[in-house]
Amino acid sequence: MQRVENDCRIRNTADMDYSLEQMTRSLVESGDYRVISRLKPQAEFHLPDSSPKLVAAVADVETTGTNLDSDMIIELGICLFEYDRQNGRIYKVLGSWEWFEDPGLPIPPEITNITGITDEMVAGHPAGADLSCLSVAPGQSGSRPRQRRHTDVWTCHFVPG
C-alpha cells in the first residue's frame, strides 16, 4: 500500500482577524474566485464651483425580455444629477428613485439572473400605481412602443418630493 502525502496544512484560525478587504484580496489573488462588491452610493463627486450647472436624469428600464410586442416593464429607475455642460463633470446626485411593476406573469429565470428582480419584488405593484408623476421623453426607437402602451403611466411630469 502506497501512502499519499498531502500538502494540507492545518491552521488555528481563531487568532486570525481578516478584514473583508483582506479576504477579498486573498480570494481574487488565488485565481479561483471572482469577487464583485457593492458600489457605495456617492452623493457628491466634485466640490461646487462657479460654473453654470444643469440638471439631467438617467433612466434605467428593466423588462421581462427584449421583445417590444410581448415583454413587459418590471422596473423603472431614475437618477437625477447636477452637471456642467461645458466639461461633462458631474457634481452631485440630487436623488434616485425606483418603481416596480407587476407584469402579470412570472418573470423568466434568465431575467431574474440578469436583473436580480424576482416575482416577489414586483408582486402587488400594478401598472401606474407607483408612477403617478413621471415624464419620459422618447429616446431610442425601442422606447416608443413601450411608452404608447404605458401612456397613462408615462405622461405627467416627475417632481421629486
C-alpha atoms as a PDB file:
ATOM      1  CA  MET A   1       0.000   0.000   0.000  1.00  0.00           C
ATOM      2  CA  GLN A   2       1.368   3.362  -1.047  1.00  0.00           C
ATOM      3  CA  ARG A   3       0.945   6.332   1.255  1.00  0.00           C
ATOM      4  CA  VAL A   4      -0.116   9.611  -0.364  1.00  0.00           C
ATOM      5  CA  GLU A   5       1.346  12.764   1.113  1.00  0.00           C
ATOM      6  CA  ASN A   6      -0.999  15.673   1.397  1.00  0.00           C
ATOM      7  CA  ASP A   7       0.225  19.255   1.410  1.00  0.00           C
ATOM      8  CA  CYS A   8      -2.692  20.346   3.530  1.00  0.00           C
ATOM      9  CA  ARG A   9      -1.729  22.485   6.487  1.00  0.00           C
ATOM     10  CA  ILE A  10      -3.982  22.823   9.468  1.00  0.00           C
ATOM     11  CA  ARG A  11      -4.034  26.296  10.932  1.00  0.00           C
ATOM     12  CA  ASN A  12      -5.583  27.694  14.023  1.00  0.00           C
ATOM     13  CA  THR A  13      -7.967  30.292  12.566  1.00  0.00           C
ATOM     14  CA  ALA A  14      -9.093  31.573  15.965  1.00  0.00           C
ATOM     15  CA  ASP A  15      -6.209  34.055  16.035  1.00  0.00           C
ATOM     16  CA  MET A  16      -6.828  35.355  12.517  1.00  0.00           C
ATOM     17  CA  ASP A  17      -8.589  38.658  12.204  1.00  0.00           C
ATOM     18  CA  TYR A  18      -9.079  39.274   8.500  1.00  0.00           C
ATOM     19  CA  SER A  19     -10.919  42.312   7.220  1.00  0.00           C
ATOM     20  CA  LEU A  20     -13.344  41.924   4.341  1.00  0.00           C
ATOM     21  CA  GLU A  21     -10.822  43.690   2.122  1.00  0.00           C
ATOM     22  CA  GLN A  22      -8.071  41.185   3.051  1.00  0.00           C
ATOM     23  CA  MET A  23     -10.377  38.231   2.451  1.00  0.00           C
ATOM     24  CA  THR A  24     -11.460  39.661  -0.901  1.00  0.00           C
ATOM     25  CA  ARG A  25      -7.869  40.253  -1.965  1.00  0.00           C
ATOM     26  CA  SER A  26      -6.899  36.684  -0.963  1.00  0.00           C
ATOM     27  CA  LEU A  27      -9.778  35.183  -2.939  1.00  0.00           C
ATOM     28  CA  VAL A  28      -9.013  37.227  -6.064  1.00  0.00           C
ATOM     29  CA  GLU A  29      -5.251  36.570  -5.887  1.00  0.00           C
ATOM     30  CA  SER A  30      -5.902  32.822  -5.721  1.00  0.00           C
ATOM     31  CA  GLY A  31      -7.167  32.956  -9.306  1.00  0.00           C
ATOM     32  CA  ASP A  32     -10.050  30.654  -8.385  1.00  0.00           C
ATOM     33  CA  TYR A  33     -12.570  33.351  -7.498  1.00  0.00           C
ATOM     34  CA  ARG A  34     -14.052  36.467  -8.979  1.00  0.00           C
ATOM     35  CA  VAL A  35     -15.332  38.820  -6.307  1.00  0.00           C
ATOM     36  CA  ILE A  36     -17.731  41.624  -7.023  1.00  0.00           C
ATOM     37  CA  SER A  37     -18.583  44.266  -4.491  1.00  0.00           C
ATOM     38  CA  ARG A  38     -21.469  46.604  -3.978  1.00  0.00           C
ATOM     39  CA  LEU A  39     -20.992  50.150  -5.178  1.00  0.00           C
ATOM     40  CA  LYS A  40     -21.270  52.635  -2.369  1.00  0.00           C
ATOM     41  CA  PRO A  41     -23.709  55.444  -3.181  1.00  0.00           C
ATOM     42  CA  GLN A  42     -21.905  58.719  -3.606  1.00  0.00           C
ATOM     43  CA  ALA A  43     -23.837  61.980  -3.233  1.00  0.00           C
ATOM     44  CA  GLU A  44     -21.082  64.402  -4.327  1.00  0.00           C
ATOM     45  CA  PHE A  45     -18.403  63.854  -6.953  1.00  0.00           C
ATOM     46  CA  HIS A  46     -16.846  67.326  -7.247  1.00  0.00           C
ATOM     47  CA  LEU A  47     -16.936  70.351  -4.996  1.00  0.00           C
ATOM     48  CA  PRO A  48     -19.230  73.144  -6.210  1.00  0.00           C
ATOM     49  CA  ASP A  49     -17.610  75.894  -8.259  1.00  0.00           C
ATOM     50  CA  SER A  50     -18.802  78.948 -10.160  1.00  0.00           C
ATOM     51  CA  SER A  51     -19.561  77.159 -13.445  1.00  0.00           C
ATOM     52  CA  PRO A  52     -23.220  77.068 -14.529  1.00  0.00           C
ATOM     53  CA  LYS A  53     -24.912  73.783 -13.662  1.00  0.00           C
ATOM     54  CA  LEU A  54     -27.631  71.844 -15.432  1.00  0.00           C
ATOM     55  CA  VAL A  55     -29.801  69.022 -14.149  1.00  0.00           C
ATOM     56  CA  ALA A  56     -30.213  65.753 -16.062  1.00  0.00           C
ATOM     57  CA  ALA A  57     -31.713  62.352 -15.423  1.00  0.00           C
ATOM     58  CA  VAL A  58     -30.621  58.862 -16.309  1.00  0.00           C
ATOM     59  CA  ALA A  59     -33.397  56.295 -16.622  1.00  0.00           C
ATOM     60  CA  ASP A  60     -32.979  52.536 -16.470  1.00  0.00           C
ATOM     61  CA  VAL A  61     -35.830  50.296 -17.581  1.00  0.00           C
ATOM     62  CA  GLU A  62     -35.863  46.571 -16.860  1.00  0.00           C
ATOM     63  CA  THR A  63     -38.207  44.290 -18.776  1.00  0.00           C
ATOM     64  CA  THR A  64     -39.189  40.630 -18.945  1.00  0.00           C
ATOM     65  CA  GLY A  65     -37.239  40.275 -22.213  1.00  0.00           C
ATOM     66  CA  THR A  66     -36.296  42.019 -25.454  1.00  0.00           C
ATOM     67  CA  ASN A  67     -39.480  41.628 -27.493  1.00  0.00           C
ATOM     68  CA  LEU A  68     -41.170  45.035 -27.750  1.00  0.00           C
ATOM     69  CA  ASP A  69     -44.534  43.483 -28.629  1.00  0.00           C
ATOM     70  CA  SER A  70     -44.845  40.987 -25.790  1.00  0.00           C
ATOM     71  CA  ASP A  71     -42.369  41.696 -22.982  1.00  0.00           C
ATOM     72  CA  MET A  72     -43.357  43.930 -20.092  1.00  0.00           C
ATOM     73  CA  ILE A  73     -41.664  46.590 -17.986  1.00  0.00           C
ATOM     74  CA  ILE A  74     -40.876  45.328 -14.484  1.00  0.00           C
ATOM     75  CA  GLU A  75     -38.756  48.172 -13.076  1.00  0.00           C
ATOM     76  CA  LEU A  76     -38.000  51.814 -13.753  1.00  0.00           C
ATOM     77  CA  GLY A  77     -35.081  53.555 -12.064  1.00  0.00           C
ATOM     78  CA  ILE A  78     -34.246  57.241 -12.330  1.00  0.00           C
ATOM     79  CA  CYS A  79     -31.184  59.124 -11.085  1.00  0.00           C
ATOM     80  CA  LEU A  80     -31.318  62.936 -11.122  1.00  0.00           C
ATOM     81  CA  PHE A  81     -27.941  64.712 -11.095  1.00  0.00           C
ATOM     82  CA  GLU A  82     -26.309  68.115 -11.430  1.00  0.00           C
ATOM     83  CA  TYR A  83     -23.562  68.559 -14.034  1.00  0.00           C
ATOM     84  CA  ASP A  84     -21.508  71.078 -16.008  1.00  0.00           C
ATOM     85  CA  ARG A  85     -22.430  71.097 -19.688  1.00  0.00           C
ATOM     86  CA  GLN A  86     -19.066  72.504 -20.778  1.00  0.00           C
ATOM     87  CA  ASN A  87     -16.865  69.744 -19.394  1.00  0.00           C
ATOM     88  CA  GLY A  88     -19.374  66.993 -18.538  1.00  0.00           C
ATOM     89  CA  ARG A  89     -18.335  66.974 -14.883  1.00  0.00           C
ATOM     90  CA  ILE A  90     -20.964  65.555 -12.538  1.00  0.00           C
ATOM     91  CA  TYR A  91     -21.161  67.482  -9.288  1.00  0.00           C
ATOM     92  CA  LYS A  92     -23.765  65.696  -7.257  1.00  0.00           C
ATOM     93  CA  VAL A  93     -26.648  63.271  -7.286  1.00  0.00           C
ATOM     94  CA  LEU A  94     -29.891  65.028  -6.422  1.00  0.00           C
ATOM     95  CA  GLY A  95     -31.888  61.864  -5.879  1.00  0.00           C
ATOM     96  CA  SER A  96     -32.686  58.431  -7.189  1.00  0.00           C
ATOM     97  CA  TRP A  97     -35.947  56.522  -7.327  1.00  0.00           C
ATOM     98  CA  GLU A  98     -37.145  53.116  -8.422  1.00  0.00           C
ATOM     99  CA  TRP A  99     -40.572  51.695  -9.132  1.00  0.00           C
ATOM    100  CA  PHE A 100     -41.638  48.127  -9.750  1.00  0.00           C
ATOM    101  CA  GLU A 101     -44.462  46.946 -11.981  1.00  0.00           C
ATOM    102  CA  ASP A 102     -46.062  43.507 -11.788  1.00  0.00           C
ATOM    103  CA  PRO A 103     -46.087  42.143 -15.353  1.00  0.00           C
ATOM    104  CA  GLY A 104     -48.966  39.782 -14.520  1.00  0.00           C
ATOM    105  CA  LEU A 105     -46.912  36.727 -15.439  1.00  0.00           C
ATOM    106  CA  PRO A 106     -43.845  35.006 -13.976  1.00  0.00           C
ATOM    107  CA  ILE A 107     -40.526  36.733 -14.631  1.00  0.00           C
ATOM    108  CA  PRO A 108     -38.327  34.392 -16.712  1.00  0.00           C
ATOM    109  CA  PRO A 109     -35.447  32.890 -14.659  1.00  0.00           C
ATOM    110  CA  GLU A 110     -32.845  34.314 -17.053  1.00  0.00           C
ATOM    111  CA  ILE A 111     -34.217  37.836 -16.450  1.00  0.00           C
ATOM    112  CA  THR A 112     -34.081  37.313 -12.670  1.00  0.00           C
ATOM    113  CA  ASN A 113     -30.455  36.138 -13.080  1.00  0.00           C
ATOM    114  CA  ILE A 114     -29.573  39.293 -15.026  1.00  0.00           C
ATOM    115  CA  THR A 115     -31.535  41.880 -13.015  1.00  0.00           C
ATOM    116  CA  GLY A 116     -31.971  40.296  -9.596  1.00  0.00           C
ATOM    117  CA  ILE A 117     -35.678  41.190  -9.804  1.00  0.00           C
ATOM    118  CA  THR A 118     -37.981  38.431  -8.573  1.00  0.00           C
ATOM    119  CA  ASP A 119     -41.713  37.792  -8.826  1.00  0.00           C
ATOM    120  CA  GLU A 120     -41.965  38.560  -5.103  1.00  0.00           C
ATOM    121  CA  MET A 121     -40.394  42.001  -5.583  1.00  0.00           C
ATOM    122  CA  VAL A 122     -42.931  43.091  -8.223  1.00  0.00           C
ATOM    123  CA  ALA A 123     -45.992  41.371  -6.721  1.00  0.00           C
ATOM    124  CA  GLY A 124     -48.745  43.853  -5.935  1.00  0.00           C
ATOM    125  CA  HIS A 125     -47.232  46.724  -7.918  1.00  0.00           C
ATOM    126  CA  PRO A 126     -49.824  47.309 -10.662  1.00  0.00           C
ATOM    127  CA  ALA A 127     -49.049  49.420 -13.724  1.00  0.00           C
ATOM    128  CA  GLY A 128     -49.190  53.090 -12.852  1.00  0.00           C
ATOM    129  CA  ALA A 129     -49.696  52.682  -9.107  1.00  0.00           C
ATOM    130  CA  ASP A 130     -46.251  53.989  -8.143  1.00  0.00           C
ATOM    131  CA  LEU A 131     -45.620  56.150 -11.220  1.00  0.00           C
ATOM    132  CA  SER A 132     -48.044  58.973 -10.579  1.00  0.00           C
ATOM    133  CA  CYS A 133     -45.735  61.825 -11.585  1.00  0.00           C
ATOM    134  CA  LEU A 134     -43.401  60.900 -14.400  1.00  0.00           C
ATOM    135  CA  SER A 135     -42.498  62.206 -17.828  1.00  0.00           C
ATOM    136  CA  VAL A 136     -40.126  60.369 -20.168  1.00  0.00           C
ATOM    137  CA  ALA A 137     -39.069  61.873 -23.491  1.00  0.00           C
ATOM    138  CA  PRO A 138     -38.765  59.452 -26.408  1.00  0.00           C
ATOM    139  CA  GLY A 139     -35.229  58.167 -26.779  1.00  0.00           C
ATOM    140  CA  GLN A 140     -34.159  55.075 -28.644  1.00  0.00           C
ATOM    141  CA  SER A 141     -36.600  53.582 -31.104  1.00  0.00           C
ATOM    142  CA  GLY A 142     -37.300  50.748 -28.659  1.00  0.00           C
ATOM    143  CA  SER A 143     -38.701  53.139 -26.049  1.00  0.00           C
ATOM    144  CA  ARG A 144     -41.581  54.465 -28.167  1.00  0.00           C
ATOM    145  CA  PRO A 145     -43.779  51.331 -28.316  1.00  0.00           C
ATOM    146  CA  ARG A 146     -43.485  50.847 -24.569  1.00  0.00           C
ATOM    147  CA  GLN A 147     -44.397  54.487 -23.979  1.00  0.00           C
ATOM    148  CA  ARG A 148     -47.503  54.172 -26.116  1.00  0.00           C
ATOM    149  CA  ARG A 149     -48.515  51.029 -24.276  1.00  0.00           C
ATOM    150  CA  HIS A 150     -47.949  52.763 -20.911  1.00  0.00           C
ATOM    151  CA  THR A 151     -49.303  56.212 -21.834  1.00  0.00           C
ATOM    152  CA  ASP A 152     -51.346  56.522 -18.660  1.00  0.00           C
ATOM    153  CA  VAL A 153     -48.209  55.925 -16.614  1.00  0.00           C
ATOM    154  CA  TRP A 154     -45.617  57.928 -18.525  1.00  0.00           C
ATOM    155  CA  THR A 155     -47.291  61.235 -19.334  1.00  0.00           C
ATOM    156  CA  CYS A 156     -47.231  63.636 -16.388  1.00  0.00           C
ATOM    157  CA  HIS A 157     -44.167  65.476 -15.033  1.00  0.00           C
ATOM    158  CA  PHE A 158     -41.962  63.943 -12.348  1.00  0.00           C
ATOM    159  CA  VAL A 159     -41.390  66.235  -9.402  1.00  0.00           C
ATOM    160  CA  PRO A 160     -39.121  64.760  -6.719  1.00  0.00           C
ATOM    161  CA  GLY A 161     -40.651  65.139  -3.324  1.00  0.00           C
END
